[in-house]
PDB file of N, CA and C in Angstrom:
ATOM      1  N   UNK A   1     184.673 144.684 -34.636  1.00  0.00           N
ATOM      2  CA  UNK A   1     185.691 145.000 -35.636  1.00  0.00           C
ATOM      3  C   UNK A   1     187.049 145.255 -34.982  1.00  0.00           C
ATOM      4  N   UNK A   2     187.042 145.817 -33.767  1.00  0.00           N
ATOM      5  CA  UNK A   2     188.313 146.069 -33.085  1.00  0.00           C
ATOM      6  C   UNK A   2     189.022 144.764 -32.757  1.00  0.00           C
ATOM      7  N   UNK A   3     188.242 143.737 -32.399  1.00  0.00           N
ATOM      8  CA  UNK A   3     188.852 142.442 -32.092  1.00  0.00           C
ATOM      9  C   UNK A   3     189.518 141.852 -33.321  1.00  0.00           C
ATOM     10  N   UNK A   4     188.873 141.997 -34.457  1.00  0.00           N
ATOM     11  CA  UNK A   4     189.447 141.462 -35.695  1.00  0.00           C
ATOM     12  C   UNK A   4     190.736 142.194 -36.033  1.00  0.00           C
ATOM     13  N   UNK A   5     190.750 143.503 -35.879  1.00  0.00           N
ATOM     14  CA  UNK A   5     191.977 144.267 -36.162  1.00  0.00           C
ATOM     15  C   UNK A   5     193.106 143.874 -35.221  1.00  0.00           C
ATOM     16  N   UNK A   6     192.750 143.687 -33.938  1.00  0.00           N
ATOM     17  CA  UNK A   6     193.777 143.320 -32.963  1.00  0.00           C
ATOM     18  C   UNK A   6     194.383 141.966 -33.315  1.00  0.00           C
ATOM     19  N   UNK A   7     193.530 140.981 -33.613  1.00  0.00           N
ATOM     20  CA  UNK A   7     194.041 139.661 -33.973  1.00  0.00           C
ATOM     21  C   UNK A   7     194.788 139.691 -35.300  1.00  0.00           C
ATOM     22  N   UNK A   8     194.346 140.532 -36.213  1.00  0.00           N
ATOM     23  CA  UNK A   8     195.042 140.665 -37.494  1.00  0.00           C
ATOM     24  C   UNK A   8     196.437 141.223 -37.271  1.00  0.00           C
ATOM     25  N   UNK A   9     196.565 142.225 -36.411  1.00  0.00           N
ATOM     26  CA  UNK A   9     197.897 142.786 -36.104  1.00  0.00           C
ATOM     27  C   UNK A   9     198.782 141.745 -35.442  1.00  0.00           C
ATOM     28  N   UNK A  10     198.208 140.990 -34.501  1.00  0.00           N
ATOM     29  CA  UNK A  10     198.989 139.959 -33.826  1.00  0.00           C
ATOM     30  C   UNK A  10     199.444 138.889 -34.814  1.00  0.00           C
ATOM     31  N   UNK A  11     198.560 138.497 -35.710  1.00  0.00           N
ATOM     32  CA  UNK A  11     198.917 137.494 -36.708  1.00  0.00           C
ATOM     33  C   UNK A  11     199.998 138.011 -37.648  1.00  0.00           C
ATOM     34  N   UNK A  12     199.866 139.260 -38.090  1.00  0.00           N
ATOM     35  CA  UNK A  12     200.894 139.839 -38.969  1.00  0.00           C
ATOM     36  C   UNK A  12     202.239 139.917 -38.254  1.00  0.00           C
ATOM     37  N   UNK A  13     202.230 140.299 -36.983  1.00  0.00           N
ATOM     38  CA  UNK A  13     203.467 140.390 -36.210  1.00  0.00           C
ATOM     39  C   UNK A  13     204.101 139.006 -36.065  1.00  0.00           C
ATOM     40  N   UNK A  14     203.293 137.989 -35.801  1.00  0.00           N
ATOM     41  CA  UNK A  14     203.805 136.638 -35.661  1.00  0.00           C
ATOM     42  C   UNK A  14     204.404 136.141 -36.973  1.00  0.00           C
ATOM     43  N   UNK A  15     203.700 136.388 -38.080  1.00  0.00           N
ATOM     44  CA  UNK A  15     204.198 135.939 -39.383  1.00  0.00           C
ATOM     45  C   UNK A  15     205.490 136.664 -39.734  1.00  0.00           C
ATOM     46  N   UNK A  16     205.582 137.939 -39.382  1.00  0.00           N
ATOM     47  CA  UNK A  16     206.799 138.693 -39.680  1.00  0.00           C
ATOM     48  C   UNK A  16     207.982 138.196 -38.850  1.00  0.00           C
ATOM     49  N   UNK A  17     207.718 137.827 -37.606  1.00  0.00           N
ATOM     50  CA  UNK A  17     208.802 137.343 -36.745  1.00  0.00           C
ATOM     51  C   UNK A  17     209.182 135.895 -37.037  1.00  0.00           C
ATOM     52  N   UNK A  18     208.203 135.076 -37.418  1.00  0.00           N
ATOM     53  CA  UNK A  18     208.436 133.648 -37.638  1.00  0.00           C
ATOM     54  C   UNK A  18     207.881 133.206 -38.991  1.00  0.00           C
ATOM     55  N   UNK A  19     208.493 133.625 -40.087  1.00  0.00           N
ATOM     56  CA  UNK A  19     207.920 133.293 -41.397  1.00  0.00           C
ATOM     57  C   UNK A  19     207.978 131.803 -41.733  1.00  0.00           C
ATOM     58  N   UNK A  20     209.019 131.116 -41.303  1.00  0.00           N
ATOM     59  CA  UNK A  20     209.115 129.689 -41.629  1.00  0.00           C
ATOM     60  C   UNK A  20     208.033 128.897 -40.897  1.00  0.00           C
ATOM     61  N   UNK A  21     207.781 129.244 -39.643  1.00  0.00           N
ATOM     62  CA  UNK A  21     206.717 128.574 -38.901  1.00  0.00           C
ATOM     63  C   UNK A  21     205.366 128.841 -39.541  1.00  0.00           C
ATOM     64  N   UNK A  22     205.131 130.083 -39.923  1.00  0.00           N
ATOM     65  CA  UNK A  22     203.843 130.439 -40.534  1.00  0.00           C
ATOM     66  C   UNK A  22     203.642 129.686 -41.842  1.00  0.00           C
ATOM     67  N   UNK A  23     204.701 129.533 -42.630  1.00  0.00           N
ATOM     68  CA  UNK A  23     204.587 128.775 -43.874  1.00  0.00           C
ATOM     69  C   UNK A  23     204.294 127.309 -43.582  1.00  0.00           C
ATOM     70  N   UNK A  24     204.906 126.779 -42.557  1.00  0.00           N
ATOM     71  CA  UNK A  24     204.626 125.393 -42.164  1.00  0.00           C
ATOM     72  C   UNK A  24     203.188 125.211 -41.717  1.00  0.00           C
ATOM     73  N   UNK A  25     202.696 126.164 -40.925  1.00  0.00           N
ATOM     74  CA  UNK A  25     201.300 126.093 -40.488  1.00  0.00           C
ATOM     75  C   UNK A  25     200.351 126.185 -41.671  1.00  0.00           C
ATOM     76  N   UNK A  26     200.637 127.080 -42.599  1.00  0.00           N
ATOM     77  CA  UNK A  26     199.759 127.255 -43.757  1.00  0.00           C
ATOM     78  C   UNK A  26     199.742 126.000 -44.623  1.00  0.00           C
ATOM     79  N   UNK A  27     200.900 125.388 -44.834  1.00  0.00           N
ATOM     80  CA  UNK A  27     200.925 124.181 -45.667  1.00  0.00           C
ATOM     81  C   UNK A  27     200.237 123.022 -44.963  1.00  0.00           C
ATOM     82  N   UNK A  28     200.429 122.899 -43.660  1.00  0.00           N
ATOM     83  CA  UNK A  28     199.751 121.846 -42.910  1.00  0.00           C
ATOM     84  C   UNK A  28     198.241 122.050 -42.918  1.00  0.00           C
ATOM     85  N   UNK A  29     197.822 123.281 -42.731  1.00  0.00           N
ATOM     86  CA  UNK A  29     196.393 123.600 -42.751  1.00  0.00           C
ATOM     87  C   UNK A  29     195.790 123.271 -44.110  1.00  0.00           C
ATOM     88  N   UNK A  30     196.491 123.621 -45.174  1.00  0.00           N
ATOM     89  CA  UNK A  30     195.994 123.357 -46.524  1.00  0.00           C
ATOM     90  C   UNK A  30     195.858 121.858 -46.775  1.00  0.00           C
ATOM     91  N   UNK A  31     196.873 121.096 -46.386  1.00  0.00           N
ATOM     92  CA  UNK A  31     196.799 119.645 -46.601  1.00  0.00           C
ATOM     93  C   UNK A  31     195.716 118.999 -45.739  1.00  0.00           C
ATOM     94  N   UNK A  32     195.526 119.497 -44.528  1.00  0.00           N
ATOM     95  CA  UNK A  32     194.474 118.966 -43.660  1.00  0.00           C
ATOM     96  C   UNK A  32     193.100 119.235 -44.240  1.00  0.00           C
ATOM     97  N   UNK A  33     192.890 120.451 -44.717  1.00  0.00           N
ATOM     98  CA  UNK A  33     191.607 120.788 -45.335  1.00  0.00           C
ATOM     99  C   UNK A  33     191.369 119.921 -46.570  1.00  0.00           C
ATOM    100  N   UNK A  34     192.407 119.686 -47.341  1.00  0.00           N
ATOM    101  CA  UNK A  34     192.275 118.856 -48.543  1.00  0.00           C
ATOM    102  C   UNK A  34     191.900 117.417 -48.168  1.00  0.00           C
ATOM    103  N   UNK A  35     192.448 116.909 -47.057  1.00  0.00           N
ATOM    104  CA  UNK A  35     192.120 115.559 -46.622  1.00  0.00           C
ATOM    105  C   UNK A  35     190.706 115.472 -46.060  1.00  0.00           C
ATOM    106  N   UNK A  36     190.301 116.504 -45.309  1.00  0.00           N
ATOM    107  CA  UNK A  36     188.977 116.481 -44.678  1.00  0.00           C
ATOM    108  C   UNK A  36     187.866 116.565 -45.717  1.00  0.00           C
ATOM    109  N   UNK A  37     188.019 117.474 -46.652  1.00  0.00           N
ATOM    110  CA  UNK A  37     187.039 117.646 -47.708  1.00  0.00           C
ATOM    111  C   UNK A  37     187.728 117.337 -49.021  1.00  0.00           C
ATOM    112  N   UNK A  38     187.444 116.219 -49.592  1.00  0.00           N
ATOM    113  CA  UNK A  38     188.100 115.762 -50.807  1.00  0.00           C
ATOM    114  C   UNK A  38     187.726 116.673 -51.976  1.00  0.00           C
ATOM    115  N   UNK A  39     188.630 117.598 -52.286  1.00  0.00           N
ATOM    116  CA  UNK A  39     188.377 118.552 -53.361  1.00  0.00           C
ATOM    117  C   UNK A  39     188.468 117.863 -54.714  1.00  0.00           C
ATOM    118  N   UNK A  40     187.520 118.131 -55.553  1.00  0.00           N
ATOM    119  CA  UNK A  40     187.521 117.579 -56.909  1.00  0.00           C
ATOM    120  C   UNK A  40     188.123 118.558 -57.916  1.00  0.00           C
ATOM    121  N   UNK A  41     188.271 119.798 -57.492  1.00  0.00           N
ATOM    122  CA  UNK A  41     188.730 120.829 -58.408  1.00  0.00           C
ATOM    123  C   UNK A  41     190.262 120.865 -58.448  1.00  0.00           C
ATOM    124  N   UNK A  42     190.809 120.532 -59.572  1.00  0.00           N
ATOM    125  CA  UNK A  42     192.261 120.542 -59.733  1.00  0.00           C
ATOM    126  C   UNK A  42     192.812 121.964 -59.641  1.00  0.00           C
ATOM    127  N   UNK A  43     192.055 122.945 -60.145  1.00  0.00           N
ATOM    128  CA  UNK A  43     192.511 124.329 -60.090  1.00  0.00           C
ATOM    129  C   UNK A  43     192.690 124.830 -58.672  1.00  0.00           C
ATOM    130  N   UNK A  44     191.784 124.447 -57.800  1.00  0.00           N
ATOM    131  CA  UNK A  44     191.883 124.869 -56.405  1.00  0.00           C
ATOM    132  C   UNK A  44     193.080 124.228 -55.717  1.00  0.00           C
ATOM    133  N   UNK A  45     193.309 122.964 -56.004  1.00  0.00           N
ATOM    134  CA  UNK A  45     194.465 122.278 -55.422  1.00  0.00           C
ATOM    135  C   UNK A  45     195.764 122.900 -55.936  1.00  0.00           C
ATOM    136  N   UNK A  46     195.808 123.237 -57.205  1.00  0.00           N
ATOM    137  CA  UNK A  46     197.004 123.883 -57.753  1.00  0.00           C
ATOM    138  C   UNK A  46     197.226 125.251 -57.125  1.00  0.00           C
ATOM    139  N   UNK A  47     196.128 125.974 -56.870  1.00  0.00           N
ATOM    140  CA  UNK A  47     196.256 127.276 -56.220  1.00  0.00           C
ATOM    141  C   UNK A  47     196.861 127.124 -54.836  1.00  0.00           C
ATOM    142  N   UNK A  48     196.358 126.165 -54.058  1.00  0.00           N
ATOM    143  CA  UNK A  48     196.910 125.951 -52.723  1.00  0.00           C
ATOM    144  C   UNK A  48     198.360 125.488 -52.784  1.00  0.00           C
ATOM    145  N   UNK A  49     198.692 124.680 -53.768  1.00  0.00           N
ATOM    146  CA  UNK A  49     200.082 124.259 -53.929  1.00  0.00           C
ATOM    147  C   UNK A  49     200.994 125.431 -54.241  1.00  0.00           C
ATOM    148  N   UNK A  50     200.553 126.300 -55.137  1.00  0.00           N
ATOM    149  CA  UNK A  50     201.344 127.494 -55.459  1.00  0.00           C
ATOM    150  C   UNK A  50     201.445 128.415 -54.251  1.00  0.00           C
ATOM    151  N   UNK A  51     200.370 128.488 -53.486  1.00  0.00           N
ATOM    152  CA  UNK A  51     200.382 129.310 -52.272  1.00  0.00           C
ATOM    153  C   UNK A  51     201.401 128.784 -51.270  1.00  0.00           C
ATOM    154  N   UNK A  52     201.463 127.466 -51.106  1.00  0.00           N
ATOM    155  CA  UNK A  52     202.438 126.880 -50.185  1.00  0.00           C
ATOM    156  C   UNK A  52     203.864 127.136 -50.660  1.00  0.00           C
ATOM    157  N   UNK A  53     204.092 126.985 -51.947  1.00  0.00           N
ATOM    158  CA  UNK A  53     205.432 127.235 -52.478  1.00  0.00           C
ATOM    159  C   UNK A  53     205.816 128.699 -52.295  1.00  0.00           C
ATOM    160  N   UNK A  54     204.879 129.599 -52.560  1.00  0.00           N
ATOM    161  CA  UNK A  54     205.148 131.024 -52.388  1.00  0.00           C
ATOM    162  C   UNK A  54     205.414 131.389 -50.943  1.00  0.00           C
ATOM    163  N   UNK A  55     204.636 130.821 -50.026  1.00  0.00           N
ATOM    164  CA  UNK A  55     204.875 131.088 -48.607  1.00  0.00           C
ATOM    165  C   UNK A  55     206.234 130.562 -48.164  1.00  0.00           C
ATOM    166  N   UNK A  56     206.581 129.377 -48.624  1.00  0.00           N
ATOM    167  CA  UNK A  56     207.882 128.813 -48.274  1.00  0.00           C
ATOM    168  C   UNK A  56     209.034 129.641 -48.820  1.00  0.00           C
ATOM    169  N   UNK A  57     208.875 130.121 -50.051  1.00  0.00           N
ATOM    170  CA  UNK A  57     209.923 130.950 -50.663  1.00  0.00           C
ATOM    171  C   UNK A  57     210.074 132.274 -49.924  1.00  0.00           C
ATOM    172  N   UNK A  58     208.959 132.913 -49.605  1.00  0.00           N
ATOM    173  CA  UNK A  58     209.047 134.191 -48.885  1.00  0.00           C
ATOM    174  C   UNK A  58     209.601 133.980 -47.486  1.00  0.00           C
ATOM    175  N   UNK A  59     209.264 132.868 -46.861  1.00  0.00           N
ATOM    176  CA  UNK A  59     209.811 132.569 -45.540  1.00  0.00           C
ATOM    177  C   UNK A  59     211.320 132.378 -45.611  1.00  0.00           C
ATOM    178  N   UNK A  60     211.776 131.669 -46.628  1.00  0.00           N
ATOM    179  CA  UNK A  60     213.219 131.449 -46.759  1.00  0.00           C
ATOM    180  C   UNK A  60     213.954 132.751 -47.013  1.00  0.00           C
ATOM    181  N   UNK A  61     213.382 133.622 -47.818  1.00  0.00           N
ATOM    182  CA  UNK A  61     214.031 134.912 -48.077  1.00  0.00           C
ATOM    183  C   UNK A  61     214.107 135.764 -46.818  1.00  0.00           C
ATOM    184  N   UNK A  62     213.042 135.746 -46.030  1.00  0.00           N
ATOM    185  CA  UNK A  62     213.055 136.511 -44.778  1.00  0.00           C
ATOM    186  C   UNK A  62     214.092 135.953 -43.811  1.00  0.00           C
ATOM    187  N   UNK A  63     214.195 134.629 -43.744  1.00  0.00           N
ATOM    188  CA  UNK A  63     215.204 134.015 -42.879  1.00  0.00           C
ATOM    189  C   UNK A  63     216.619 134.334 -43.368  1.00  0.00           C
ATOM    190  N   UNK A  64     216.818 134.358 -44.679  1.00  0.00           N
ATOM    191  CA  UNK A  64     218.119 134.720 -45.221  1.00  0.00           C
ATOM    192  C   UNK A  64     218.497 136.148 -44.856  1.00  0.00           C
ATOM    193  N   UNK A  65     217.534 137.071 -44.923  1.00  0.00           N
ATOM    194  CA  UNK A  65     217.804 138.465 -44.551  1.00  0.00           C
ATOM    195  C   UNK A  65     218.180 138.572 -43.090  1.00  0.00           C
ATOM    196  N   UNK A  66     217.485 137.819 -42.227  1.00  0.00           N
ATOM    197  CA  UNK A  66     217.810 137.866 -40.807  1.00  0.00           C
ATOM    198  C   UNK A  66     219.196 137.283 -40.549  1.00  0.00           C
ATOM    199  N   UNK A  67     219.554 136.235 -41.276  1.00  0.00           N
ATOM    200  CA  UNK A  67     220.864 135.616 -41.094  1.00  0.00           C
ATOM    201  C   UNK A  67     221.973 136.565 -41.538  1.00  0.00           C
ATOM    202  N   UNK A  68     221.792 137.191 -42.679  1.00  0.00           N
ATOM    203  CA  UNK A  68     222.802 138.135 -43.170  1.00  0.00           C
ATOM    204  C   UNK A  68     222.937 139.312 -42.217  1.00  0.00           C
ATOM    205  N   UNK A  69     221.820 139.806 -41.710  1.00  0.00           N
ATOM    206  CA  UNK A  69     221.869 140.925 -40.768  1.00  0.00           C
ATOM    207  C   UNK A  69     222.582 140.515 -39.486  1.00  0.00           C
ATOM    208  N   UNK A  70     222.340 139.303 -39.004  1.00  0.00           N
ATOM    209  CA  UNK A  70     222.969 138.848 -37.765  1.00  0.00           C
ATOM    210  C   UNK A  70     224.467 138.645 -37.934  1.00  0.00           C
ATOM    211  N   UNK A  71     224.868 138.171 -39.093  1.00  0.00           N
ATOM    212  CA  UNK A  71     226.288 137.871 -39.287  1.00  0.00           C
ATOM    213  C   UNK A  71     227.086 139.108 -39.693  1.00  0.00           C
ATOM    214  N   UNK A  72     226.602 139.857 -40.673  1.00  0.00           N
ATOM    215  CA  UNK A  72     227.438 140.899 -41.259  1.00  0.00           C
ATOM    216  C   UNK A  72     227.085 142.317 -40.829  1.00  0.00           C
ATOM    217  N   UNK A  73     225.837 142.613 -40.601  1.00  0.00           N
ATOM    218  CA  UNK A  73     225.465 143.990 -40.301  1.00  0.00           C
ATOM    219  C   UNK A  73     225.716 144.331 -38.841  1.00  0.00           C
ATOM    220  N   UNK A  74     225.437 143.388 -37.943  1.00  0.00           N
ATOM    221  CA  UNK A  74     225.549 143.668 -36.508  1.00  0.00           C
ATOM    222  C   UNK A  74     226.940 143.379 -35.949  1.00  0.00           C
ATOM    223  N   UNK A  75     227.911 143.103 -36.790  1.00  0.00           N
ATOM    224  CA  UNK A  75     229.270 142.822 -36.352  1.00  0.00           C
ATOM    225  C   UNK A  75     230.240 143.819 -36.970  1.00  0.00           C
ATOM    226  N   UNK A  76     231.466 143.758 -36.514  1.00  0.00           N
ATOM    227  CA  UNK A  76     232.495 144.649 -37.029  1.00  0.00           C
ATOM    228  C   UNK A  76     232.804 144.317 -38.490  1.00  0.00           C
ATOM    229  N   UNK A  77     233.072 145.333 -39.263  1.00  0.00           N
ATOM    230  CA  UNK A  77     233.290 145.139 -40.699  1.00  0.00           C
ATOM    231  C   UNK A  77     234.595 144.419 -41.001  1.00  0.00           C
ATOM    232  N   UNK A  78     235.640 144.618 -40.211  1.00  0.00           N
ATOM    233  CA  UNK A  78     236.951 144.040 -40.499  1.00  0.00           C
ATOM    234  C   UNK A  78     237.188 142.708 -39.809  1.00  0.00           C
ATOM    235  N   UNK A  79     236.207 142.178 -39.123  1.00  0.00           N
ATOM    236  CA  UNK A  79     236.348 140.910 -38.418  1.00  0.00           C
ATOM    237  C   UNK A  79     236.227 139.759 -39.411  1.00  0.00           C
ATOM    238  N   UNK A  80     237.124 138.780 -39.393  1.00  0.00           N
ATOM    239  CA  UNK A  80     237.046 137.650 -40.337  1.00  0.00           C
ATOM    240  C   UNK A  80     235.785 136.813 -40.107  1.00  0.00           C
ATOM    241  N   UNK A  81     235.336 136.185 -41.177  1.00  0.00           N
ATOM    242  CA  UNK A  81     234.110 135.381 -41.106  1.00  0.00           C
ATOM    243  C   UNK A  81     234.223 134.241 -40.104  1.00  0.00           C
ATOM    244  N   UNK A  82     235.401 133.622 -40.007  1.00  0.00           N
ATOM    245  CA  UNK A  82     235.564 132.500 -39.078  1.00  0.00           C
ATOM    246  C   UNK A  82     235.316 132.929 -37.642  1.00  0.00           C
ATOM    247  N   UNK A  83     235.814 134.093 -37.272  1.00  0.00           N
ATOM    248  CA  UNK A  83     235.618 134.577 -35.903  1.00  0.00           C
ATOM    249  C   UNK A  83     234.160 134.967 -35.654  1.00  0.00           C
ATOM    250  N   UNK A  84     233.498 135.504 -36.670  1.00  0.00           N
ATOM    251  CA  UNK A  84     232.073 135.857 -36.543  1.00  0.00           C
ATOM    252  C   UNK A  84     231.252 134.607 -36.324  1.00  0.00           C
ATOM    253  N   UNK A  85     231.509 133.568 -37.105  1.00  0.00           N
ATOM    254  CA  UNK A  85     230.766 132.311 -36.974  1.00  0.00           C
ATOM    255  C   UNK A  85     231.043 131.648 -35.646  1.00  0.00           C
ATOM    256  N   UNK A  86     232.313 131.672 -35.213  1.00  0.00           N
ATOM    257  CA  UNK A  86     232.650 131.096 -33.909  1.00  0.00           C
ATOM    258  C   UNK A  86     231.935 131.828 -32.776  1.00  0.00           C
ATOM    259  N   UNK A  87     231.834 133.152 -32.871  1.00  0.00           N
ATOM    260  CA  UNK A  87     231.141 133.895 -31.819  1.00  0.00           C
ATOM    261  C   UNK A  87     229.639 133.637 -31.834  1.00  0.00           C
ATOM    262  N   UNK A  88     229.075 133.368 -33.011  1.00  0.00           N
ATOM    263  CA  UNK A  88     227.636 133.044 -33.083  1.00  0.00           C
ATOM    264  C   UNK A  88     227.348 131.666 -32.532  1.00  0.00           C
ATOM    265  N   UNK A  89     228.263 130.713 -32.743  1.00  0.00           N
ATOM    266  CA  UNK A  89     228.065 129.351 -32.265  1.00  0.00           C
ATOM    267  C   UNK A  89     228.191 129.276 -30.760  1.00  0.00           C
ATOM    268  N   UNK A  90     229.089 130.040 -30.197  1.00  0.00           N
ATOM    269  CA  UNK A  90     229.309 130.003 -28.734  1.00  0.00           C
ATOM    270  C   UNK A  90     228.218 130.661 -28.002  1.00  0.00           C
TER     271      UNK A  90
END
């Protein structure tokens, strides 16, 4: 049971740090499973489709929060946006 908890923590940490990658892995895994075992149940396929859309949406929101934090929270408040973007690009 300790091994499962350790791997669960590692997986949660990875998903939290890289949500877009995790959503990509989940959608790829779902499509691969669907190809390997030809599911006849439309409800199950719809569930996996909704799951992929939900994972992608949550990943995008997490990435948006990180972007906003990197641009506006960790920089000076009175600095113009052009200078902030230029400093991020360099």
